[in-house]
C-alpha atoms as a PDB file:
ATOM      1  CA  MET A   1      41.548 -47.558  -1.749  1.00  0.00           C
ATOM      2  CA  THR A   2      42.320 -51.297  -1.667  1.00  0.00           C
ATOM      3  CA  ASP A   3      45.773 -50.707  -3.177  1.00  0.00           C
ATOM      4  CA  GLY A   4      46.803 -48.913   0.017  1.00  0.00           C
ATOM      5  CA  LEU A   5      44.505 -50.863   2.322  1.00  0.00           C
ATOM      6  CA  VAL A   6      46.110 -52.638   5.288  1.00  0.00           C
ATOM      7  CA  SER A   7      44.311 -55.799   6.403  1.00  0.00           C
ATOM      8  CA  ILE A   8      44.934 -56.346  10.108  1.00  0.00           C
ATOM      9  CA  ILE A   9      44.653 -60.034  10.981  1.00  0.00           C
ATOM     10  CA  THR A  10      43.429 -60.688  14.520  1.00  0.00           C
ATOM     11  CA  THR A  11      42.416 -63.899  16.270  1.00  0.00           C
ATOM     12  CA  LEU A  12      40.035 -63.875  19.204  1.00  0.00           C
ATOM     13  CA  TYR A  13      39.891 -66.552  21.879  1.00  0.00           C
ATOM     14  CA  ASN A  14      38.667 -65.760  25.397  1.00  0.00           C
ATOM     15  CA  SER A  15      40.195 -62.285  25.358  1.00  0.00           C
ATOM     16  CA  GLU A  16      37.252 -60.333  26.729  1.00  0.00           C
ATOM     17  CA  SER A  17      39.537 -58.425  29.123  1.00  0.00           C
ATOM     18  CA  PHE A  18      41.954 -57.308  26.405  1.00  0.00           C
ATOM     19  CA  ILE A  19      40.218 -56.980  23.032  1.00  0.00           C
ATOM     20  CA  ALA A  20      38.862 -53.466  23.609  1.00  0.00           C
ATOM     21  CA  LYS A  21      42.342 -51.984  24.094  1.00  0.00           C
ATOM     22  CA  THR A  22      43.607 -53.913  21.094  1.00  0.00           C
ATOM     23  CA  ILE A  23      40.870 -52.513  18.842  1.00  0.00           C
ATOM     24  CA  GLU A  24      41.297 -48.999  20.205  1.00  0.00           C
ATOM     25  CA  SER A  25      45.040 -49.096  19.473  1.00  0.00           C
ATOM     26  CA  VAL A  26      44.143 -49.812  15.839  1.00  0.00           C
ATOM     27  CA  GLN A  27      41.511 -47.081  15.728  1.00  0.00           C
ATOM     28  CA  ALA A  28      44.164 -44.657  17.028  1.00  0.00           C
ATOM     29  CA  GLN A  29      46.449 -45.270  14.010  1.00  0.00           C
ATOM     30  CA  THR A  30      47.583 -42.173  12.149  1.00  0.00           C
ATOM     31  CA  TYR A  31      47.217 -44.215   8.948  1.00  0.00           C
ATOM     32  CA  THR A  32      43.479 -44.731   8.598  1.00  0.00           C
ATOM     33  CA  ASN A  33      43.089 -46.870   5.459  1.00  0.00           C
ATOM     34  CA  TRP A  34      42.780 -50.241   7.180  1.00  0.00           C
ATOM     35  CA  GLU A  35      40.387 -53.076   7.881  1.00  0.00           C
ATOM     36  CA  MET A  36      40.542 -55.244  10.987  1.00  0.00           C
ATOM     37  CA  VAL A  37      39.496 -58.815  10.185  1.00  0.00           C
ATOM     38  CA  ILE A  38      38.890 -60.640  13.474  1.00  0.00           C
ATOM     39  CA  THR A  39      38.226 -64.384  13.557  1.00  0.00           C
ATOM     40  CA  ASP A  40      36.670 -65.763  16.736  1.00  0.00           C
ATOM     41  CA  ASP A  41      38.106 -69.217  17.494  1.00  0.00           C
ATOM     42  CA  CYS A  42      35.054 -70.393  19.494  1.00  0.00           C
ATOM     43  CA  SER A  43      35.417 -68.122  22.514  1.00  0.00           C
ATOM     44  CA  SER A  44      33.383 -68.964  25.609  1.00  0.00           C
ATOM     45  CA  ASP A  45      33.408 -65.410  27.014  1.00  0.00           C
ATOM     46  CA  ASN A  46      31.859 -62.126  25.858  1.00  0.00           C
ATOM     47  CA  GLY A  47      34.762 -61.135  23.617  1.00  0.00           C
ATOM     48  CA  PRO A  48      32.799 -61.570  20.347  1.00  0.00           C
ATOM     49  CA  GLU A  49      29.963 -59.399  21.666  1.00  0.00           C
ATOM     50  CA  LEU A  50      32.445 -56.642  22.480  1.00  0.00           C
ATOM     51  CA  VAL A  51      33.847 -56.831  18.952  1.00  0.00           C
ATOM     52  CA  LEU A  52      30.350 -56.530  17.514  1.00  0.00           C
ATOM     53  CA  GLN A  53      29.792 -53.371  19.559  1.00  0.00           C
ATOM     54  CA  TYR A  54      32.884 -51.788  18.003  1.00  0.00           C
ATOM     55  CA  ALA A  55      31.977 -53.092  14.534  1.00  0.00           C
ATOM     56  CA  SER A  56      28.522 -51.516  14.746  1.00  0.00           C
ATOM     57  CA  LYS A  57      30.194 -48.100  15.022  1.00  0.00           C
ATOM     58  CA  ASP A  58      33.219 -48.701  12.788  1.00  0.00           C
ATOM     59  CA  PRO A  59      32.641 -50.581   9.489  1.00  0.00           C
ATOM     60  CA  ARG A  60      36.367 -51.184   9.136  1.00  0.00           C
ATOM     61  CA  ILE A  61      36.074 -53.838  11.860  1.00  0.00           C
ATOM     62  CA  LYS A  62      34.781 -57.249  10.769  1.00  0.00           C
ATOM     63  CA  LEU A  63      34.020 -60.304  12.909  1.00  0.00           C
ATOM     64  CA  LEU A  64      34.193 -63.842  11.518  1.00  0.00           C
ATOM     65  CA  ARG A  65      33.459 -67.032  13.472  1.00  0.00           C
ATOM     66  CA  LEU A  66      34.830 -70.568  13.247  1.00  0.00           C
ATOM     67  CA  ASP A  67      32.495 -73.520  13.784  1.00  0.00           C
ATOM     68  CA  ARG A  68      35.038 -75.251  16.000  1.00  0.00           C
ATOM     69  CA  ASN A  69      38.298 -74.347  17.689  1.00  0.00           C
ATOM     70  CA  GLY A  70      41.238 -74.662  15.301  1.00  0.00           C
ATOM     71  CA  GLY A  71      44.026 -72.737  16.998  1.00  0.00           C
ATOM     72  CA  PRO A  72      45.747 -69.466  16.048  1.00  0.00           C
ATOM     73  CA  GLY A  73      47.013 -70.665  12.657  1.00  0.00           C
ATOM     74  CA  VAL A  74      43.589 -71.735  11.414  1.00  0.00           C
ATOM     75  CA  ALA A  75      41.972 -68.549  12.728  1.00  0.00           C
ATOM     76  CA  ARG A  76      44.621 -66.308  11.185  1.00  0.00           C
ATOM     77  CA  ASN A  77      44.324 -68.051   7.832  1.00  0.00           C
ATOM     78  CA  ASN A  78      40.571 -67.573   7.921  1.00  0.00           C
ATOM     79  CA  SER A  79      41.057 -63.824   8.374  1.00  0.00           C
ATOM     80  CA  ILE A  80      43.696 -63.697   5.621  1.00  0.00           C
ATOM     81  CA  LEU A  81      41.387 -65.476   3.176  1.00  0.00           C
ATOM     82  CA  HIS A  82      38.651 -62.911   3.880  1.00  0.00           C
ATOM     83  CA  SER A  83      40.982 -59.905   3.730  1.00  0.00           C
ATOM     84  CA  GLU A  84      40.861 -57.360   0.917  1.00  0.00           C
ATOM     85  CA  GLY A  85      43.970 -55.239   1.487  1.00  0.00           C
ATOM     86  CA  ARG A  86      47.255 -55.104  -0.334  1.00  0.00           C
ATOM     87  CA  TYR A  87      49.163 -55.194   2.949  1.00  0.00           C
ATOM     88  CA  ILE A  88      48.754 -57.898   5.616  1.00  0.00           C
ATOM     89  CA  ALA A  89      49.610 -57.159   9.253  1.00  0.00           C
ATOM     90  CA  PHE A  90      49.091 -59.193  12.416  1.00  0.00           C
ATOM     91  CA  LEU A  91      47.856 -58.188  15.857  1.00  0.00           C
ATOM     92  CA  ASP A  92      46.652 -60.664  18.487  1.00  0.00           C
ATOM     93  CA  SER A  93      43.684 -59.851  20.695  1.00  0.00           C
ATOM     94  CA  ASP A  94      45.781 -59.039  23.779  1.00  0.00           C
ATOM     95  CA  ASP A  95      48.493 -56.932  22.120  1.00  0.00           C
ATOM     96  CA  MET A  96      48.570 -53.269  21.099  1.00  0.00           C
ATOM     97  CA  TRP A  97      50.194 -50.955  18.559  1.00  0.00           C
ATOM     98  CA  MET A  98      51.689 -47.518  18.922  1.00  0.00           C
ATOM     99  CA  PRO A  99      49.627 -44.901  16.998  1.00  0.00           C
ATOM    100  CA  ASP A 100      52.188 -44.426  14.202  1.00  0.00           C
ATOM    101  CA  LYS A 101      52.956 -48.119  13.670  1.00  0.00           C
ATOM    102  CA  LEU A 102      51.361 -48.477  10.246  1.00  0.00           C
ATOM    103  CA  GLU A 103      52.471 -45.065   9.020  1.00  0.00           C
ATOM    104  CA  LYS A 104      56.141 -45.631   9.816  1.00  0.00           C
ATOM    105  CA  GLN A 105      56.239 -49.160   8.447  1.00  0.00           C
ATOM    106  CA  LEU A 106      54.544 -48.200   5.186  1.00  0.00           C
ATOM    107  CA  SER A 107      57.023 -45.338   4.871  1.00  0.00           C
ATOM    108  CA  LEU A 108      59.896 -47.821   5.237  1.00  0.00           C
ATOM    109  CA  MET A 109      58.336 -50.103   2.628  1.00  0.00           C
ATOM    110  CA  ASN A 110      58.018 -47.243   0.154  1.00  0.00           C
ATOM    111  CA  LYS A 111      61.556 -46.054   0.855  1.00  0.00           C
ATOM    112  CA  THR A 112      63.275 -49.440   0.542  1.00  0.00           C
ATOM    113  CA  GLY A 113      60.953 -51.405  -1.748  1.00  0.00           C
ATOM    114  CA  CYS A 114      61.080 -54.180   0.835  1.00  0.00           C
ATOM    115  CA  GLY A 115      58.184 -56.643   0.767  1.00  0.00           C
ATOM    116  CA  MET A 116      58.227 -57.371   4.490  1.00  0.00           C
ATOM    117  CA  VAL A 117      58.829 -55.086   7.477  1.00  0.00           C
ATOM    118  CA  PHE A 118      58.848 -55.403  11.265  1.00  0.00           C
ATOM    119  CA  SER A 119      59.907 -53.360  14.302  1.00  0.00           C
ATOM    120  CA  SER A 120      61.110 -53.371  17.874  1.00  0.00           C
ATOM    121  CA  TYR A 121      58.425 -53.742  20.540  1.00  0.00           C
ATOM    122  CA  TYR A 122      57.737 -53.391  24.246  1.00  0.00           C
ATOM    123  CA  THR A 123      56.753 -56.267  26.528  1.00  0.00           C
ATOM    124  CA  CYS A 124      54.115 -55.760  29.187  1.00  0.00           C
ATOM    125  CA  ASP A 125      52.125 -57.688  31.782  1.00  0.00           C
ATOM    126  CA  GLU A 126      48.362 -58.191  31.869  1.00  0.00           C
ATOM    127  CA  ASN A 127      47.947 -54.758  33.503  1.00  0.00           C
ATOM    128  CA  ASN A 128      49.716 -53.086  30.542  1.00  0.00           C
ATOM    129  CA  THR A 129      52.741 -52.280  32.710  1.00  0.00           C
ATOM    130  CA  ILE A 130      55.811 -52.196  30.455  1.00  0.00           C
ATOM    131  CA  THR A 131      58.357 -54.785  31.570  1.00  0.00           C
ATOM    132  CA  GLY A 132      61.014 -54.432  28.862  1.00  0.00           C
ATOM    133  CA  MET A 133      61.821 -53.834  25.235  1.00  0.00           C
ATOM    134  CA  VAL A 134      62.880 -56.183  22.436  1.00  0.00           C
ATOM    135  CA  LYS A 135      65.066 -54.317  19.962  1.00  0.00           C
ATOM    136  CA  CYS A 136      65.018 -55.568  16.398  1.00  0.00           C
ATOM    137  CA  ARG A 137      67.694 -55.669  13.738  1.00  0.00           C
ATOM    138  CA  ARG A 138      67.628 -53.230  10.826  1.00  0.00           C
ATOM    139  CA  ARG A 139      67.604 -56.089   8.343  1.00  0.00           C
ATOM    140  CA  ILE A 140      66.995 -59.829   8.589  1.00  0.00           C
ATOM    141  CA  PRO A 141      68.020 -62.086   5.691  1.00  0.00           C
ATOM    142  CA  TYR A 142      66.454 -65.437   4.923  1.00  0.00           C
ATOM    143  CA  TRP A 143      69.269 -67.485   6.489  1.00  0.00           C
ATOM    144  CA  ARG A 144      68.785 -65.680   9.816  1.00  0.00           C
ATOM    145  CA  ILE A 145      65.077 -66.450  10.133  1.00  0.00           C
ATOM    146  CA  VAL A 146      65.834 -70.143   9.511  1.00  0.00           C
ATOM    147  CA  CYS A 147      68.136 -70.147  12.554  1.00  0.00           C
ATOM    148  CA  ASP A 148      65.551 -68.665  14.913  1.00  0.00           C
ATOM    149  CA  ASN A 149      62.470 -66.459  14.683  1.00  0.00           C
ATOM    150  CA  ALA A 150      63.923 -62.983  15.120  1.00  0.00           C
ATOM    151  CA  ILE A 151      60.752 -61.108  14.108  1.00  0.00           C
ATOM    152  CA  GLY A 152      58.008 -60.185  16.556  1.00  0.00           C
ATOM    153  CA  PHE A 153      54.850 -61.313  14.790  1.00  0.00           C
ATOM    154  CA  LEU A 154      52.740 -58.463  16.168  1.00  0.00           C
ATOM    155  CA  THR A 155      55.068 -56.084  14.308  1.00  0.00           C
ATOM    156  CA  MET A 156      55.264 -57.955  10.979  1.00  0.00           C
ATOM    157  CA  MET A 157      53.611 -56.674   7.807  1.00  0.00           C
ATOM    158  CA  TYR A 158      54.007 -57.858   4.212  1.00  0.00           C
ATOM    159  CA  ASP A 159      53.030 -56.650   0.754  1.00  0.00           C
ATOM    160  CA  THR A 160      50.849 -59.102  -1.183  1.00  0.00           C
ATOM    161  CA  LYS A 161      51.545 -57.225  -4.412  1.00  0.00           C
ATOM    162  CA  LEU A 162      55.204 -58.245  -4.170  1.00  0.00           C
ATOM    163  CA  ILE A 163      54.883 -61.564  -2.363  1.00  0.00           C
ATOM    164  CA  GLY A 164      51.355 -62.855  -2.932  1.00  0.00           C
ATOM    165  CA  LYS A 165      48.879 -63.784  -0.232  1.00  0.00           C
ATOM    166  CA  GLU A 166      50.726 -66.271   1.971  1.00  0.00           C
ATOM    167  CA  LEU A 167      48.993 -68.459   4.563  1.00  0.00           C
ATOM    168  CA  LEU A 168      50.392 -69.827   7.803  1.00  0.00           C
ATOM    169  CA  PRO A 169      51.343 -73.512   8.059  1.00  0.00           C
ATOM    170  CA  VAL A 170      48.542 -75.368   9.831  1.00  0.00           C
ATOM    171  CA  ILE A 171      50.245 -76.502  13.018  1.00  0.00           C
ATOM    172  CA  ARG A 172      49.081 -75.689  16.533  1.00  0.00           C
ATOM    173  CA  LYS A 173      52.066 -73.566  17.542  1.00  0.00           C
ATOM    174  CA  ARG A 174      55.010 -71.733  15.925  1.00  0.00           C
ATOM    175  CA  GLN A 175      53.014 -71.161  12.757  1.00  0.00           C
ATOM    176  CA  ASP A 176      53.987 -67.480  12.936  1.00  0.00           C
ATOM    177  CA  TRP A 177      57.638 -68.435  12.534  1.00  0.00           C
ATOM    178  CA  GLY A 178      56.652 -70.733   9.690  1.00  0.00           C
ATOM    179  CA  LEU A 179      55.001 -67.850   7.842  1.00  0.00           C
ATOM    180  CA  ASN A 180      58.037 -65.622   8.350  1.00  0.00           C
ATOM    181  CA  ILE A 181      60.179 -68.341   6.783  1.00  0.00           C
ATOM    182  CA  LYS A 182      57.807 -68.784   3.840  1.00  0.00           C
ATOM    183  CA  ILE A 183      57.755 -65.052   3.099  1.00  0.00           C
ATOM    184  CA  LEU A 184      61.495 -64.497   3.459  1.00  0.00           C
ATOM    185  CA  ARG A 185      62.118 -67.471   1.201  1.00  0.00           C
ATOM    186  CA  LYS A 186      60.460 -65.335  -1.479  1.00  0.00           C
ATOM    187  CA  CYS A 187      61.707 -61.823  -0.762  1.00  0.00           C
ATOM    188  CA  ARG A 188      65.073 -62.879   0.784  1.00  0.00           C
ATOM    189  CA  PHE A 189      65.206 -60.147   3.453  1.00  0.00           C
ATOM    190  CA  ALA A 190      62.996 -57.994   5.688  1.00  0.00           C
ATOM    191  CA  CYS A 191      63.580 -54.453   6.976  1.00  0.00           C
ATOM    192  CA  GLY A 192      63.064 -53.303  10.558  1.00  0.00           C
ATOM    193  CA  VAL A 193      62.068 -50.050  12.252  1.00  0.00           C
ATOM    194  CA  GLN A 194      64.211 -49.985  15.388  1.00  0.00           C
ATOM    195  CA  GLU A 195      61.762 -47.789  17.256  1.00  0.00           C
ATOM    196  CA  PRO A 196      59.301 -49.880  19.338  1.00  0.00           C
ATOM    197  CA  LEU A 197      55.952 -49.696  17.548  1.00  0.00           C
ATOM    198  CA  ALA A 198      53.962 -52.342  19.434  1.00  0.00           C
ATOM    199  CA  MET A 199      53.327 -53.781  22.877  1.00  0.00           C
ATOM    200  CA  TYR A 200      53.393 -57.538  23.452  1.00  0.00           C
ATOM    201  CA  CYS A 201      51.365 -58.786  26.405  1.00  0.00           C
ATOM    202  CA  ILE A 202      52.799 -61.775  28.287  1.00  0.00           C
ATOM    203  CA  ARG A 203      49.802 -63.630  29.696  1.00  0.00           C
ATOM    204  CA  GLN A 204      49.777 -66.601  32.003  1.00  0.00           C
ATOM    205  CA  GLY A 205      48.409 -69.674  30.228  1.00  0.00           C
ATOM    206  CA  SER A 206      48.658 -68.216  26.701  1.00  0.00           C
ATOM    207  CA  VAL A 207      49.440 -70.498  23.765  1.00  0.00           C
ATOM    208  CA  SER A 208      52.997 -69.155  23.512  1.00  0.00           C
ATOM    209  CA  SER A 209      53.763 -69.021  27.247  1.00  0.00           C
ATOM    210  CA  GLY A 210      54.921 -72.645  27.679  1.00  0.00           C
ATOM    211  CA  LYS A 211      58.332 -72.514  26.006  1.00  0.00           C
ATOM    212  CA  PHE A 212      59.338 -76.121  26.666  1.00  0.00           C
ATOM    213  CA  SER A 213      56.137 -77.386  25.078  1.00  0.00           C
ATOM    214  CA  LEU A 214      57.165 -75.614  21.871  1.00  0.00           C
ATOM    215  CA  ILE A 215      60.150 -77.879  21.216  1.00  0.00           C
ATOM    216  CA  LYS A 216      58.272 -80.374  19.043  1.00  0.00           C
ATOM    217  CA  TYR A 217      56.734 -77.539  17.050  1.00  0.00           C
ATOM    218  CA  ASN A 218      60.148 -75.962  16.456  1.00  0.00           C
ATOM    219  CA  VAL A 219      61.308 -79.287  15.011  1.00  0.00           C
ATOM    220  CA  ALA A 220      58.073 -79.495  12.998  1.00  0.00           C
ATOM    221  CA  ILE A 221      58.862 -76.183  11.296  1.00  0.00           C
ATOM    222  CA  TYR A 222      62.123 -77.573   9.936  1.00  0.00           C
ATOM    223  CA  HIS A 223      60.431 -80.786   8.850  1.00  0.00           C
ATOM    224  CA  GLU A 224      57.113 -79.520   7.467  1.00  0.00           C
ATOM    225  CA  VAL A 225      57.937 -76.015   6.220  1.00  0.00           C
ATOM    226  CA  LEU A 226      61.537 -76.438   5.065  1.00  0.00           C
ATOM    227  CA  GLY A 227      61.210 -80.098   4.090  1.00  0.00           C
ATOM    228  CA  TYR A 228      64.137 -81.340   6.171  1.00  0.00           C
ATOM    229  CA  SER A 229      64.270 -85.000   7.170  1.00  0.00           C
ATOM    230  CA  LYS A 230      63.279 -85.712  10.778  1.00  0.00           C
ATOM    231  CA  PHE A 231      66.905 -86.417  11.680  1.00  0.00           C
ATOM    232  CA  ARG A 232      68.144 -83.199  10.064  1.00  0.00           C
ATOM    233  CA  SER A 233      65.306 -81.278  11.733  1.00  0.00           C
ATOM    234  CA  VAL A 234      66.350 -82.456  15.200  1.00  0.00           C
ATOM    235  CA  ILE A 235      70.041 -81.775  14.538  1.00  0.00           C
ATOM    236  CA  THR A 236      69.243 -78.280  13.208  1.00  0.00           C
ATOM    237  CA  PHE A 237      67.139 -77.562  16.273  1.00  0.00           C
ATOM    238  CA  LEU A 238      69.874 -78.684  18.680  1.00  0.00           C
ATOM    239  CA  PHE A 239      72.893 -77.105  17.020  1.00  0.00           C
ATOM    240  CA  VAL A 240      71.465 -74.117  15.144  1.00  0.00           C
ATOM    241  CA  PHE A 241      68.169 -73.047  16.715  1.00  0.00           C
ATOM    242  CA  LEU A 242      69.100 -73.404  20.406  1.00  0.00           C
ATOM    243  CA  PRO A 243      72.391 -71.429  20.242  1.00  0.00           C
ATOM    244  CA  PHE A 244      70.678 -68.599  18.356  1.00  0.00           C
ATOM    245  CA  TYR A 245      67.638 -68.699  20.650  1.00  0.00           C
ATOM    246  CA  PHE A 246      69.605 -68.453  23.907  1.00  0.00           C
ATOM    247  CA  GLY A 247      71.915 -65.845  22.427  1.00  0.00           C
ATOM    248  CA  LYS A 248      68.885 -63.745  21.520  1.00  0.00           C
ATOM    249  CA  LYS A 249      67.379 -64.190  24.986  1.00  0.00           C
ATOM    250  CA  LEU A 250      70.624 -63.116  26.630  1.00  0.00           C
ATOM    251  CA  LEU A 251      70.746 -60.009  24.439  1.00  0.00           C
ATOM    252  CA  ASN A 252      67.114 -59.239  25.251  1.00  0.00           C
ATOM    253  CA  CYS A 253      67.885 -59.506  28.972  1.00  0.00           C
ATOM    254  CA  PHE A 254      70.652 -56.912  28.637  1.00  0.00           C
ATOM    255  CA  GLU A 255      68.402 -54.641  26.583  1.00  0.00           C
ATOM    256  CA  THR A 256      65.610 -54.930  29.163  1.00  0.00           C
ATOM    257  CA  LEU A 257      68.076 -54.151  31.971  1.00  0.00           C
ATOM    258  CA  PHE A 258      69.347 -51.050  30.181  1.00  0.00           C
ATOM    259  CA  TYR A 259      65.756 -50.052  29.376  1.00  0.00           C
ATOM    260  CA  LYS A 260      64.733 -50.202  33.063  1.00  0.00           C
ATOM    261  CA  GLN A 261      67.834 -48.332  34.173  1.00  0.00           C
ATOM    262  CA  GLY A 262      67.237 -45.671  31.552  1.00  0.00           C
END
């Protein structure tokens, strides 16, 4: 069973209003051989108690707790270290998956032999109202992920049998991009399902909502993950990352406009 087991890595931090729908979207998967390893990053609400209620009825759901708040990267790594599956997937405590997400991505892995897959996804507000769609590429090579993170982390899944069990870099933000870089440095490319298989919730005050505050972490990825000098990291951010980032955002705006009109 563990050879086909998917370990779903989830962090929990003050997500009492969202975690139930997140868990239920996993329980609704057509592919049922999974475990959901949730690490609570010192929540101050009743989110952990809700998880325990689900876990008491579904042994595939596991709750771990950190002694002190460490941020998403630390919490995700804790879940990865306690995971038992061959495949590692990521789903934050306010996001959701479509029911056939795992089934379709595993099918693509088996068809292509690719060690890492991802997909398009919807965006929504805190009331689960869909606000747009982010369409992915069919294939992303290593050089492309270095330019800008073009993979929605809630859609990413990788095969530890081909890649090994990779951990996120321990920085406060952008560690998801850092992991994508580390994995693609090994397998050289990732394959995408262009159908939207997940729903990304844009919350006010979330860790990823303040884009300007992410600048120093973007530079840190080049310096700490890729080993660039500080000068080269800044230059790469200004003349490689930013053009790709704004180009992607412009494309996403057009895709969202066409989605709403359609």
